[in-house]
Each structure stands twice: as C-alpha cells, then as structure tokens.
N, C-alpha and C. Protein backbone atom coordinates (compact mmCIF):
# COMPACT_ATOMS: atom_id res chain seq x y z
N MET A 1 1.20 -1.11 -0.04
CA MET A 1 -0.37 -0.69 -0.32
C MET A 1 0.80 1.16 -0.02
N MET A 2 2.26 1.05 0.83
CA MET A 2 3.22 2.11 0.80
C MET A 2 3.26 2.64 -1.08
N ARG A 3 3.31 1.60 -1.19
CA ARG A 3 4.28 1.78 -2.17
C ARG A 3 3.58 2.19 -3.56
N PHE A 4 1.91 2.34 -3.32
CA PHE A 4 1.03 2.17 -4.09
C PHE A 4 1.07 4.31 -3.62
N TYR A 5 0.27 4.98 -2.46
CA TYR A 5 0.93 5.95 -2.24
C TYR A 5 2.58 6.24 -2.20
N SER A 6 3.38 6.27 -2.28
CA SER A 6 4.79 6.67 -2.69
C SER A 6 5.17 6.51 -4.52
N LYS A 7 4.24 6.45 -4.97
CA LYS A 7 4.13 5.44 -6.47
C LYS A 7 3.76 6.68 -7.09
N THR A 8 1.86 6.99 -6.55
CA THR A 8 1.43 8.46 -6.93
C THR A 8 2.01 9.68 -5.76
N TRP A 9 2.68 9.66 -5.62
CA TRP A 9 2.48 10.78 -4.94
C TRP A 9 4.42 11.86 -5.78
N GLU A 10 5.07 10.78 -6.30
CA GLU A 10 5.63 11.00 -7.57
C GLU A 10 5.44 11.60 -8.87
N GLN A 11 4.06 10.49 -9.12
CA GLN A 11 3.25 10.71 -10.25
C GLN A 11 2.49 12.43 -10.34
N ILE A 12 2.65 12.32 -9.47
CA ILE A 12 1.31 14.01 -9.47
C ILE A 12 2.53 15.02 -9.50
N SER A 13 4.00 14.50 -8.47
CA SER A 13 4.18 15.70 -8.52
C SER A 13 5.83 16.11 -9.27
N GLN A 14 5.72 15.22 -10.36
CA GLN A 14 6.01 14.53 -11.63
C GLN A 14 5.22 15.37 -12.88
N TRP A 15 3.90 16.23 -12.25
CA TRP A 15 3.04 16.52 -13.20
C TRP A 15 3.25 18.50 -14.00
N GLY A 16 3.25 18.25 -14.91
CA GLY A 16 4.50 19.57 -15.65
C GLY A 16 5.54 19.83 -15.37
N THR A 17 6.08 19.05 -15.93
CA THR A 17 7.86 18.38 -15.58
C THR A 17 8.33 18.15 -17.51
N ARG A 18 9.17 18.35 -18.10
CA ARG A 18 9.64 18.28 -19.03
C ARG A 18 11.07 18.38 -19.45
N PRO A 19 11.09 17.29 -20.27
CA PRO A 19 12.44 16.89 -19.96
C PRO A 19 13.63 18.16 -20.95
N SER A 20 12.96 19.06 -21.59
CA SER A 20 13.61 20.05 -21.90
C SER A 20 13.85 21.63 -20.56
N GLN A 21 13.51 20.98 -19.81
CA GLN A 21 13.08 22.15 -18.82
C GLN A 21 14.50 21.62 -17.53
N SER A 22 15.43 23.29 -17.05
CA SER A 22 16.78 23.00 -16.11
C SER A 22 15.78 21.98 -15.19
N VAL A 23 17.04 21.54 -14.13
CA VAL A 23 16.86 20.73 -13.62
C VAL A 23 16.10 21.66 -12.63
N GLU A 24 16.38 22.94 -12.27
CA GLU A 24 16.10 24.09 -11.43
C GLU A 24 14.60 24.19 -11.82
N GLN A 25 14.58 24.23 -13.19
CA GLN A 25 13.01 24.27 -13.36
C GLN A 25 12.08 23.60 -12.98
N ARG A 26 12.78 22.12 -13.49
CA ARG A 26 11.70 20.68 -12.55
C ARG A 26 11.32 21.01 -11.50
N ARG A 27 12.73 21.47 -10.19
CA ARG A 27 12.49 20.63 -9.44
C ARG A 27 11.49 22.32 -8.80
N THR A 28 11.13 23.99 -9.31
CA THR A 28 9.79 24.37 -9.37
C THR A 28 8.55 23.78 -9.04
N VAL A 29 8.98 23.19 -10.02
CA VAL A 29 7.58 22.86 -10.69
C VAL A 29 7.11 21.57 -9.35
N MET A 30 8.61 21.03 -9.35
CA MET A 30 7.99 19.51 -8.20
C MET A 30 7.29 20.15 -7.52
N LEU A 31 8.58 21.54 -6.43
CA LEU A 31 8.44 21.78 -4.93
C LEU A 31 6.50 22.72 -4.77
N THR A 32 5.91 23.59 -6.55
CA THR A 32 4.23 24.00 -6.46
C THR A 32 3.98 22.81 -6.66
N ASN A 33 4.05 21.60 -7.32
CA ASN A 33 3.02 20.03 -7.07
C ASN A 33 2.35 19.87 -5.94
N ARG A 34 3.51 19.71 -4.25
CA ARG A 34 4.00 19.03 -3.60
C ARG A 34 3.23 20.44 -1.75
N ILE A 35 4.01 21.21 -2.36
CA ILE A 35 3.24 21.99 -1.60
C ILE A 35 1.60 22.33 -1.79
N SER A 36 0.66 22.10 -3.20
CA SER A 36 -0.60 22.48 -3.30
C SER A 36 -1.30 21.09 -2.26
N LEU A 37 -0.97 20.22 -2.96
CA LEU A 37 -1.29 19.21 -2.68
C LEU A 37 -1.25 18.43 -1.30
N LEU A 38 -0.06 19.12 -0.33
CA LEU A 38 0.29 19.16 1.14
C LEU A 38 -1.23 20.09 1.42
N ILE A 39 -1.10 20.95 1.21
CA ILE A 39 -2.26 22.03 1.82
C ILE A 39 -3.57 21.30 1.41
N SER A 40 -3.80 20.77 0.38
CA SER A 40 -5.03 20.77 -0.41
C SER A 40 -5.53 19.53 1.48
N ALA A 41 -4.37 18.61 0.86
CA ALA A 41 -4.79 17.45 1.96
C ALA A 41 -5.54 17.90 3.23
N PHE A 42 -4.47 18.53 3.93
CA PHE A 42 -4.82 19.42 5.77
C PHE A 42 -5.82 19.78 5.03
N THR A 43 -5.97 20.65 4.13
CA THR A 43 -8.37 21.35 4.33
C THR A 43 -8.59 20.76 4.39
N LEU A 44 -8.88 19.33 3.60
CA LEU A 44 -9.60 18.57 3.00
C LEU A 44 -9.85 17.26 3.73
N ILE A 45 -9.05 17.54 5.32
CA ILE A 45 -8.62 16.93 6.72
C ILE A 45 -9.10 18.17 8.04
N LEU A 46 -9.01 19.37 7.67
CA LEU A 46 -9.40 19.77 8.59
C LEU A 46 -10.89 20.33 7.99
N CYS A 47 -11.57 20.07 6.45
CA CYS A 47 -12.54 20.01 6.70
C CYS A 47 -13.81 19.00 6.96
N ILE A 48 -13.25 18.05 6.83
CA ILE A 48 -13.64 17.01 7.06
C ILE A 48 -13.98 17.00 9.16
N LEU A 49 -13.29 17.58 9.76
CA LEU A 49 -13.29 17.68 11.04
C LEU A 49 -13.89 18.48 11.41
N SER A 50 -14.20 19.56 10.58
CA SER A 50 -14.59 20.93 10.54
C SER A 50 -16.76 20.17 10.23
N PHE A 51 -17.01 19.07 9.66
CA PHE A 51 -17.42 18.05 9.09
C PHE A 51 -18.67 17.22 10.57
N SER A 52 -17.84 16.93 11.00
CA SER A 52 -18.19 15.45 12.03
C SER A 52 -18.61 16.86 13.48
N ALA A 53 -17.67 17.50 13.22
CA ALA A 53 -18.00 18.28 14.91
C ALA A 53 -19.54 19.31 14.50
N PHE A 54 -19.39 20.10 14.19
CA PHE A 54 -20.10 21.13 13.42
C PHE A 54 -21.11 21.28 12.11
N GLY A 55 -20.98 20.34 11.30
CA GLY A 55 -22.17 20.23 10.43
C GLY A 55 -21.80 20.61 8.87
N TRP A 56 -22.24 20.36 8.18
CA TRP A 56 -22.34 21.37 6.85
C TRP A 56 -22.47 22.61 6.76
N ILE A 57 -22.01 23.65 8.14
CA ILE A 57 -22.29 25.01 7.64
C ILE A 57 -21.47 26.01 6.93
N TYR A 58 -21.48 26.72 7.03
CA TYR A 58 -20.70 27.63 5.82
C TYR A 58 -18.59 27.69 5.75
N THR A 59 -18.61 28.07 7.20
CA THR A 59 -17.53 27.26 7.10
C THR A 59 -16.74 26.40 6.47
N THR A 60 -17.85 25.21 7.30
CA THR A 60 -17.27 23.23 6.15
C THR A 60 -17.16 23.83 4.45
N GLN A 61 -18.31 24.39 4.30
CA GLN A 61 -18.38 24.86 2.90
C GLN A 61 -17.25 25.42 2.24
N SER A 62 -16.68 26.39 2.71
CA SER A 62 -15.79 27.26 2.10
C SER A 62 -14.69 26.36 2.20
N ALA A 63 -14.27 25.67 3.21
CA ALA A 63 -13.37 24.80 3.47
C ALA A 63 -13.50 23.76 2.31
N PHE A 64 -14.98 23.55 1.75
CA PHE A 64 -14.19 22.14 0.78
C PHE A 64 -14.17 22.37 -0.17
N GLY A 65 -14.81 24.36 -0.47
CA GLY A 65 -14.28 24.71 -1.85
C GLY A 65 -12.99 25.18 -1.82
N PHE A 66 -12.19 25.53 -0.67
CA PHE A 66 -10.60 25.60 -1.07
C PHE A 66 -9.61 24.70 -1.18
N THR A 67 -10.49 23.83 -0.16
CA THR A 67 -9.28 22.31 -0.84
C THR A 67 -9.49 21.88 -2.05
N LEU A 68 -10.85 21.92 -3.27
CA LEU A 68 -10.49 22.14 -4.54
C LEU A 68 -9.92 22.92 -4.88
N LEU A 69 -9.71 24.39 -4.72
CA LEU A 69 -9.07 25.43 -5.16
C LEU A 69 -7.82 24.91 -5.06
N PHE A 70 -7.11 24.76 -4.19
CA PHE A 70 -5.61 24.14 -3.62
C PHE A 70 -4.59 23.03 -4.71
N LEU A 71 -5.82 22.75 -5.02
CA LEU A 71 -5.70 21.53 -6.68
C LEU A 71 -5.49 21.65 -7.89
N PHE A 72 -5.85 23.37 -7.53
CA PHE A 72 -5.97 23.87 -9.47
C PHE A 72 -4.69 24.58 -9.78
N PRO A 73 -3.38 25.25 -8.53
CA PRO A 73 -2.14 25.18 -9.41
C PRO A 73 -1.27 23.51 -10.06
N LEU A 74 -1.95 23.12 -8.98
CA LEU A 74 -1.69 21.13 -10.31
C LEU A 74 -2.15 21.04 -11.79
N LEU A 75 -3.40 21.56 -12.12
CA LEU A 75 -4.05 21.29 -13.17
C LEU A 75 -3.08 22.80 -14.01
N LEU A 76 -3.01 23.52 -13.54
CA LEU A 76 -2.17 24.55 -14.23
C LEU A 76 -0.88 24.41 -14.42
N ASN A 77 -0.04 23.03 -13.83
CA ASN A 77 1.13 22.93 -14.13
C ASN A 77 0.94 21.55 -15.25
N ARG A 78 0.30 21.46 -14.99
CA ARG A 78 0.14 20.02 -16.30
C ARG A 78 -0.35 20.66 -17.42
N LEU A 79 -1.25 21.42 -16.78
CA LEU A 79 -0.97 21.92 -18.57
C LEU A 79 0.14 23.02 -19.12
N GLY A 80 1.24 23.19 -18.04
CA GLY A 80 1.96 23.90 -18.71
C GLY A 80 2.40 25.38 -17.90
N TYR A 81 1.43 26.35 -17.20
CA TYR A 81 1.06 27.56 -17.02
C TYR A 81 1.86 27.22 -16.30
N ASN A 82 3.18 27.02 -15.69
CA ASN A 82 3.98 26.62 -14.09
C ASN A 82 3.78 28.61 -13.89
N SER A 83 4.23 29.95 -13.93
CA SER A 83 4.43 31.03 -13.31
C SER A 83 3.66 31.23 -12.79
N ILE A 84 1.76 30.87 -13.49
CA ILE A 84 0.68 31.09 -13.37
C ILE A 84 0.38 29.75 -11.99
N ALA A 85 0.89 29.10 -12.08
CA ALA A 85 0.50 27.79 -10.60
C ALA A 85 0.97 28.46 -9.48
N ARG A 86 2.58 29.44 -10.00
CA ARG A 86 2.76 29.98 -8.34
C ARG A 86 2.79 30.62 -8.11
N ILE A 87 2.54 31.79 -8.26
CA ILE A 87 1.79 33.10 -8.43
C ILE A 87 0.62 32.85 -7.75
N LEU A 88 -0.34 31.74 -8.35
CA LEU A 88 -1.21 31.17 -7.74
C LEU A 88 -1.78 30.78 -6.56
N LEU A 89 -0.88 29.66 -6.09
CA LEU A 89 -1.02 29.16 -4.61
C LEU A 89 -0.38 30.24 -3.92
N SER A 90 0.69 31.10 -4.55
CA SER A 90 1.02 32.18 -3.49
C SER A 90 -0.19 33.12 -3.31
N LEU A 91 -0.69 32.75 -4.30
CA LEU A 91 -2.34 33.92 -4.14
C LEU A 91 -3.65 33.35 -2.53
N ILE A 92 -3.67 32.31 -2.99
CA ILE A 92 -4.96 31.39 -3.32
C ILE A 92 -4.63 31.58 -1.17
N ILE A 93 -3.88 31.34 -0.77
CA ILE A 93 -3.79 30.61 0.58
C ILE A 93 -4.35 32.57 1.59
N SER A 94 -3.79 33.31 0.61
CA SER A 94 -3.99 34.24 2.06
C SER A 94 -5.90 34.52 1.36
N VAL A 95 -5.95 34.57 0.95
CA VAL A 95 -7.33 34.88 0.00
C VAL A 95 -8.36 33.64 0.37
N ALA A 96 -7.88 32.69 1.14
CA ALA A 96 -8.72 31.27 1.71
C ALA A 96 -8.64 31.72 3.13
N SER A 97 -7.63 32.25 4.08
CA SER A 97 -7.37 32.87 5.59
C SER A 97 -8.87 33.75 5.15
N ILE A 98 -8.70 34.95 4.38
CA ILE A 98 -9.60 35.98 4.93
C ILE A 98 -11.03 35.15 4.69
N VAL A 99 -11.04 34.40 2.85
CA VAL A 99 -12.75 34.05 3.34
C VAL A 99 -12.97 33.65 4.43
N VAL A 100 -12.73 32.50 4.93
CA VAL A 100 -12.81 32.09 5.93
C VAL A 100 -13.36 32.72 6.81
N SER A 101 -12.31 33.50 7.29
CA SER A 101 -12.50 34.21 8.65
C SER A 101 -13.88 35.01 8.48
N VAL A 102 -13.92 36.05 7.74
CA VAL A 102 -15.20 36.52 7.57
C VAL A 102 -16.72 35.83 7.46
N VAL A 103 -16.47 34.51 6.51
CA VAL A 103 -17.63 33.24 6.44
C VAL A 103 -17.36 32.86 7.64
N ASP A 104 -16.76 32.58 8.95
CA ASP A 104 -16.86 32.44 9.81
C ASP A 104 -17.68 33.51 10.82
N LYS A 105 -17.51 34.24 10.40
CA LYS A 105 -18.38 35.49 11.13
C LYS A 105 -19.97 35.37 10.89
N PHE A 106 -20.14 34.68 10.02
CA PHE A 106 -21.75 34.31 9.63
C PHE A 106 -22.44 33.13 11.07
N ASP A 107 -21.59 32.12 10.86
CA ASP A 107 -21.55 30.94 12.01
C ASP A 107 -21.44 31.32 13.06
N TYR A 108 -19.97 32.04 13.62
CA TYR A 108 -20.30 32.24 15.05
C TYR A 108 -20.36 33.69 15.54
N TYR A 109 -20.94 34.45 15.73
CA TYR A 109 -20.80 35.57 15.71
C TYR A 109 -19.74 36.95 16.81
N GLN A 110 -19.63 35.80 17.94
CA GLN A 110 -18.54 36.10 18.92
C GLN A 110 -17.37 35.12 18.27
N LEU A 111 -16.27 35.42 18.01
CA LEU A 111 -14.90 34.57 17.97
C LEU A 111 -14.14 34.77 18.89
N GLU A 112 -13.54 33.38 18.81
CA GLU A 112 -13.20 33.03 19.91
C GLU A 112 -11.47 33.58 19.50
N GLU A 113 -10.65 33.00 21.08
CA GLU A 113 -8.90 33.79 21.01
C GLU A 113 -8.75 32.89 19.54
N PHE A 114 -8.59 31.63 19.90
CA PHE A 114 -7.62 30.63 18.47
C PHE A 114 -8.51 30.91 16.99
N GLN A 115 -9.39 31.01 16.67
CA GLN A 115 -9.79 31.23 15.37
C GLN A 115 -9.36 32.61 14.99
N TYR A 116 -9.22 33.82 15.97
CA TYR A 116 -8.10 35.33 15.60
C TYR A 116 -6.61 34.46 15.22
N PHE A 117 -5.91 34.24 16.18
CA PHE A 117 -4.88 33.66 15.80
C PHE A 117 -4.78 33.12 15.04
N GLU A 118 -5.55 31.73 14.85
CA GLU A 118 -4.94 30.47 13.76
C GLU A 118 -5.43 32.32 11.90
N PHE A 119 -6.46 32.97 11.70
CA PHE A 119 -6.22 33.21 11.20
C PHE A 119 -5.51 33.96 10.77
N ARG A 120 -4.19 34.96 11.70
CA ARG A 120 -3.86 36.19 11.37
C ARG A 120 -1.92 35.13 11.07
N LEU A 121 -2.28 33.67 11.99
CA LEU A 121 -0.91 33.21 11.18
C LEU A 121 -1.11 32.50 10.44
N THR A 122 -2.00 32.27 9.75
CA THR A 122 -2.30 32.02 8.09
C THR A 122 -1.45 33.06 7.12
N LEU A 123 -2.21 34.23 7.41
CA LEU A 123 -1.85 35.37 6.43
C LEU A 123 -0.10 35.76 6.77
N LEU A 124 -0.01 35.08 7.76
CA LEU A 124 1.36 35.73 8.46
C LEU A 124 3.21 34.11 7.25
N THR A 125 2.08 33.29 7.75
CA THR A 125 2.40 31.74 7.35
C THR A 125 2.42 31.65 5.49
N ALA A 126 2.04 32.77 5.11
CA ALA A 126 1.92 32.79 3.42
C ALA A 126 2.59 33.57 2.59
N THR A 127 3.29 34.32 4.13
CA THR A 127 4.22 35.75 2.94
C THR A 127 5.31 34.65 3.14
N LEU A 128 5.99 33.56 3.98
CA LEU A 128 6.39 32.67 3.10
C LEU A 128 6.62 31.99 2.11
N VAL A 129 5.83 31.63 0.93
CA VAL A 129 4.93 29.89 0.08
C VAL A 129 6.24 31.75 -0.73
N PRO A 130 6.22 32.22 -1.23
CA PRO A 130 7.20 33.05 -2.37
C PRO A 130 8.48 32.50 -2.63
N PHE A 131 8.65 32.51 -0.79
CA PHE A 131 10.45 32.43 -1.00
C PHE A 131 10.25 31.19 -1.39
N TYR A 132 9.27 30.45 -1.67
CA TYR A 132 10.25 28.84 -1.78
C TYR A 132 10.19 28.25 -2.55
N ILE A 133 9.16 29.43 -3.93
CA ILE A 133 8.90 28.66 -4.77
C ILE A 133 8.97 29.65 -5.94
N PHE A 134 9.41 30.90 -5.53
CA PHE A 134 10.44 31.60 -6.51
C PHE A 134 12.10 31.42 -6.39
N LYS A 135 12.43 31.88 -6.56
CA LYS A 135 14.14 32.84 -7.29
C LYS A 135 13.60 33.74 -6.83
N LEU A 136 14.87 34.63 -6.11
CA LEU A 136 15.35 35.87 -5.89
C LEU A 136 15.72 36.26 -7.23
N ALA A 137 16.03 35.83 -7.70
CA ALA A 137 15.97 36.72 -9.16
C ALA A 137 14.82 37.01 -10.16
N GLU A 138 14.18 35.63 -9.41
CA GLU A 138 12.46 36.37 -9.86
C GLU A 138 11.50 37.99 -9.12
N VAL A 139 12.21 38.34 -9.58
CA VAL A 139 11.18 39.81 -8.21
C VAL A 139 10.30 40.60 -8.88
N ARG A 140 9.94 39.79 -9.30
CA ARG A 140 7.80 40.45 -10.33
C ARG A 140 6.97 39.13 -10.12
N TYR A 141 7.50 37.64 -10.00
CA TYR A 141 6.41 37.01 -9.22
C TYR A 141 6.37 37.07 -6.97
N TRP A 142 8.02 37.13 -6.93
CA TRP A 142 7.76 36.48 -5.33
C TRP A 142 6.95 38.30 -5.03
N SER A 143 7.68 39.27 -5.98
CA SER A 143 7.12 41.06 -5.03
C SER A 143 5.37 40.75 -5.16
N VAL A 144 4.70 40.78 -5.90
CA VAL A 144 3.44 40.89 -6.38
C VAL A 144 2.49 40.01 -5.25
N ALA A 145 3.16 38.46 -5.03
CA ALA A 145 2.84 37.71 -4.19
C ALA A 145 2.97 38.61 -2.93
N LEU A 146 4.23 38.89 -2.68
CA LEU A 146 4.23 39.42 -1.50
C LEU A 146 3.52 40.92 -0.56
N ALA A 147 3.57 41.32 -2.27
CA ALA A 147 2.49 42.62 -1.45
C ALA A 147 0.45 42.28 -1.41
N PHE A 148 0.14 41.17 -2.59
CA PHE A 148 -0.94 40.49 -2.58
C PHE A 148 -0.86 40.03 -0.51
N ASN A 149 -0.28 39.80 -0.50
CA ASN A 149 -0.59 39.23 1.28
C ASN A 149 -0.04 40.00 2.16
N PHE A 150 0.45 41.08 1.88
CA PHE A 150 0.34 42.39 2.86
C PHE A 150 -0.47 43.15 3.31
N LEU A 151 -1.69 42.96 2.08
CA LEU A 151 -2.92 44.24 2.18
C LEU A 151 -3.39 43.03 2.54
N CYS A 152 -3.70 42.14 2.27
CA CYS A 152 -4.29 40.98 2.81
C CYS A 152 -4.00 40.74 4.28
N ILE A 153 -2.70 41.22 5.27
CA ILE A 153 -2.27 41.61 6.65
C ILE A 153 -3.15 42.76 6.71
N VAL A 154 -3.35 43.51 5.90
CA VAL A 154 -3.73 45.00 6.41
C VAL A 154 -5.27 45.04 6.51
N PHE A 155 -5.61 44.35 5.41
CA PHE A 155 -6.99 44.67 5.49
C PHE A 155 -7.63 43.64 6.41
N SER A 156 -6.88 42.30 7.15
CA SER A 156 -7.40 41.89 8.44
C SER A 156 -7.72 42.36 9.37
N ILE A 157 -6.72 43.17 9.44
CA ILE A 157 -6.52 44.27 10.69
C ILE A 157 -6.81 45.06 11.05
N LEU A 158 -7.64 46.33 9.39
CA LEU A 158 -8.65 47.13 9.51
C LEU A 158 -10.52 45.92 9.88
N TYR A 159 -10.23 45.60 9.59
CA TYR A 159 -11.40 44.00 9.71
C TYR A 159 -11.91 44.02 10.87
N ILE A 160 -10.64 43.99 12.11
CA ILE A 160 -11.07 43.44 12.87
C ILE A 160 -11.19 45.25 13.75
N VAL A 161 -10.51 45.27 13.72
CA VAL A 161 -9.89 46.71 14.57
C VAL A 161 -11.62 48.01 13.83
N GLY A 162 -12.44 47.23 12.83
CA GLY A 162 -13.79 47.81 12.46
C GLY A 162 -14.00 49.20 11.44
N LEU A 163 -12.73 49.38 11.05
CA LEU A 163 -12.09 50.57 10.23
C LEU A 163 -12.45 50.14 8.10
N ALA A 164 -12.31 48.68 8.79
CA ALA A 164 -13.16 48.45 7.05
C ALA A 164 -14.72 47.54 6.83
C-alpha cells in the first residue's frame, strides 16, 4: 500500500515537468505541486473534522471549496502554466484565510481567541510561500505575491479593528 502512495505522490509531483526544462525549473514545478497537494490534503482533513463536529456550515463548505481550489495549481502545471500556478498558489492561501475568516463570522458572531490567531498566523505563514517557490531573481513574481499578502494582512487588521 505504501508503494502505491509513494508512486502516486511521485507521479503527481512530476505533473508539468518536461525533459526540456532545466533541473531547477523541474524542481520548482515539483515543489509547487507538492505544496499544493499537501495544503489541499490538510484543508480536506480540517474540512472533515469541521463537518463531523459542526455539520455542513458555511465554514465547512468554504473549506471544501478551498480544498479543490488548492489543487488548481496542479492542473495549471500539468497544462504548462508553471508561473501562473506558482503565483496562484502564493495568493490563494491568503485569500482562503480572509474568506474563511469572514465566513466564520456568519457561523459564529463572537470569534474565540483561537480563531483570531489561527487566521492571522495563516496570513503570516502565507508570506513565506513565495520564497519557497520563486527564485530571488524572479522579483516580479514574488514581489506581487508579497504585496498581495501584505495587503491581506493590512485588510485583516483593519477589518478586525472595524475600520474597513
């Protein structure tokens, strides 16, 4: 059984790699695929736990939607849109955090401390992703992702304080 999972992991990791690419490009595509798959798997686990504890509430529904959205970079890599896949992966983590944070307020009018810190830590962690999947020389890509993540953090703070 482990051999099956290992082989499947390796095959999915290779999606979007071509022999004509440099070793560095193939490594970047594989890393993007693996990060995308792991984040999607963890989100699915959280979705299942949320469903078992709270039912099919808005937060659970949005978590399921983002589980599928986190797989989209795999498809983009498979189709050869490697740069778009990396940018999308860098952005959707922050978008997911903001959206789930807002949707969570429809389910629970009074957020607990854990929910507050969870979303903020997710936003801060999302700022690290561009540095994993972009070279420092690719300034135009990682700067867009960092600027977007920074705006999400600022919007999140303004939203909590009540200014937005």
